[in-house]
Amino acid sequence: MRAFKATKISELLAPMLSLALVILGLAVVALTRTQERHLGYEVLALHRQHRLAAEEKKRQVIELAKLSRPQHVETVAQRRFDLKRVQKSQIIRMRTRSLN
């Protein structure tokens, strides 16, 4: 039988320490990539919200333009408020006196 050769503790721990450092490095890389992917999804969601908000703003601008047309205002005034067009006989002209 051969005699067991005594080794230093540092010689036994060096490979384990190296392996632990490699595993720790791989874990850091994996966590970094996971975080990067998560941020990418957040950017995508924010881009989608921005696009929907821009489309909604455009739709509202078009609706405002339609609602503020003089023809539409006149139609609403006639239907909703029962207003009629002014006849010439209904206009009363008033003269102002000069203060001199």
Protein backbone atom coordinates (compact mmCIF):
# COMPACT_ATOMS: atom_id res chain seq x y z
CA MET A 1 0.00 0.00 0.00
CA ARG A 2 1.08 3.42 -0.76
CA ALA A 3 1.21 5.99 1.92
CA PHE A 4 -1.30 8.82 1.72
CA LYS A 5 0.49 12.01 0.89
CA ALA A 6 -0.57 14.91 3.05
CA THR A 7 -1.59 18.00 1.10
CA LYS A 8 -2.18 21.53 2.12
CA ILE A 9 -5.74 22.75 2.66
CA SER A 10 -5.21 25.53 0.12
CA GLU A 11 -4.48 22.95 -2.56
CA LEU A 12 -7.82 21.26 -1.82
CA LEU A 13 -9.84 24.50 -1.70
CA ALA A 14 -8.38 26.13 -4.82
CA PRO A 15 -10.39 24.05 -7.33
CA MET A 16 -13.59 24.46 -5.30
CA LEU A 17 -13.06 28.19 -5.02
CA SER A 18 -12.46 28.45 -8.76
CA LEU A 19 -15.60 26.44 -9.46
CA ALA A 20 -17.62 28.64 -7.08
CA LEU A 21 -16.37 31.78 -8.83
CA VAL A 22 -17.30 30.39 -12.25
CA ILE A 23 -20.80 29.46 -11.01
CA LEU A 24 -21.21 32.90 -9.42
CA GLY A 25 -20.12 34.58 -12.66
CA LEU A 26 -22.60 32.54 -14.69
CA ALA A 27 -25.37 33.40 -12.22
CA VAL A 28 -24.58 37.12 -12.55
CA VAL A 29 -24.67 36.88 -16.35
CA ALA A 30 -28.00 35.01 -16.23
CA LEU A 31 -29.54 37.56 -13.84
CA THR A 32 -28.28 40.44 -15.98
CA ARG A 33 -29.82 38.97 -19.13
CA THR A 34 -33.10 38.31 -17.31
CA GLN A 35 -33.19 41.92 -16.14
CA GLU A 36 -32.38 43.14 -19.66
CA ARG A 37 -35.23 41.06 -21.11
CA HIS A 38 -37.62 42.39 -18.45
CA LEU A 39 -36.67 45.98 -19.28
CA GLY A 40 -37.19 45.21 -22.97
CA TYR A 41 -40.74 44.07 -22.22
CA GLU A 42 -41.38 47.25 -20.24
CA VAL A 43 -40.12 49.40 -23.12
CA LEU A 44 -42.37 47.47 -25.51
CA ALA A 45 -45.40 48.02 -23.25
CA LEU A 46 -44.64 51.75 -22.93
CA HIS A 47 -44.24 52.04 -26.71
CA ARG A 48 -47.63 50.38 -27.17
CA GLN A 49 -49.23 52.78 -24.65
CA HIS A 50 -47.64 55.76 -26.42
CA ARG A 51 -48.95 54.59 -29.80
CA LEU A 52 -52.47 54.09 -28.40
CA ALA A 53 -52.40 57.53 -26.76
CA ALA A 54 -51.29 59.14 -30.01
CA GLU A 55 -54.10 57.38 -31.90
CA GLU A 56 -56.63 58.48 -29.26
CA LYS A 57 -55.41 62.09 -29.50
CA LYS A 58 -55.71 62.00 -33.28
CA ARG A 59 -59.25 60.60 -33.01
CA GLN A 60 -60.23 63.32 -30.54
CA VAL A 61 -58.80 66.08 -32.74
CA ILE A 62 -60.84 64.77 -35.68
CA GLU A 63 -63.96 64.56 -33.51
CA LEU A 64 -63.43 68.12 -32.26
CA ALA A 65 -63.04 69.35 -35.83
CA LYS A 66 -66.31 67.66 -36.82
CA LEU A 67 -68.19 69.00 -33.79
CA SER A 68 -66.99 72.57 -34.23
CA ARG A 69 -67.95 72.91 -37.90
CA PRO A 70 -70.45 75.76 -38.39
CA GLN A 71 -72.94 73.44 -40.12
CA HIS A 72 -72.88 71.05 -37.18
CA VAL A 73 -73.26 73.85 -34.63
CA GLU A 74 -76.25 75.21 -36.56
CA THR A 75 -77.87 71.76 -36.79
CA VAL A 76 -77.44 71.17 -33.06
CA ALA A 77 -78.86 74.60 -32.29
CA GLN A 78 -81.93 73.93 -34.44
CA ARG A 79 -82.59 70.40 -33.20
CA ARG A 80 -81.55 70.49 -29.57
CA PHE A 81 -82.43 74.05 -28.62
CA ASP A 82 -85.25 74.57 -31.12
CA LEU A 83 -83.60 77.68 -32.53
CA LYS A 84 -84.62 79.07 -35.90
CA ARG A 85 -82.80 81.20 -38.44
CA VAL A 86 -83.26 84.92 -37.97
CA GLN A 87 -85.62 86.65 -40.40
CA LYS A 88 -84.95 90.21 -41.53
CA SER A 89 -88.18 91.35 -39.92
CA GLN A 90 -86.93 90.19 -36.52
CA ILE A 91 -83.85 92.41 -36.57
CA ILE A 92 -84.26 95.74 -34.80
CA ARG A 93 -81.67 98.35 -35.63
CA MET A 94 -80.87 100.80 -32.91
CA ARG A 95 -79.06 104.05 -33.45
CA THR A 96 -76.71 105.41 -30.92
CA ARG A 97 -76.60 109.05 -30.06
CA SER A 98 -73.27 110.74 -29.96
CA LEU A 99 -72.25 112.10 -26.60
CA ASN A 100 -70.98 115.44 -28.00
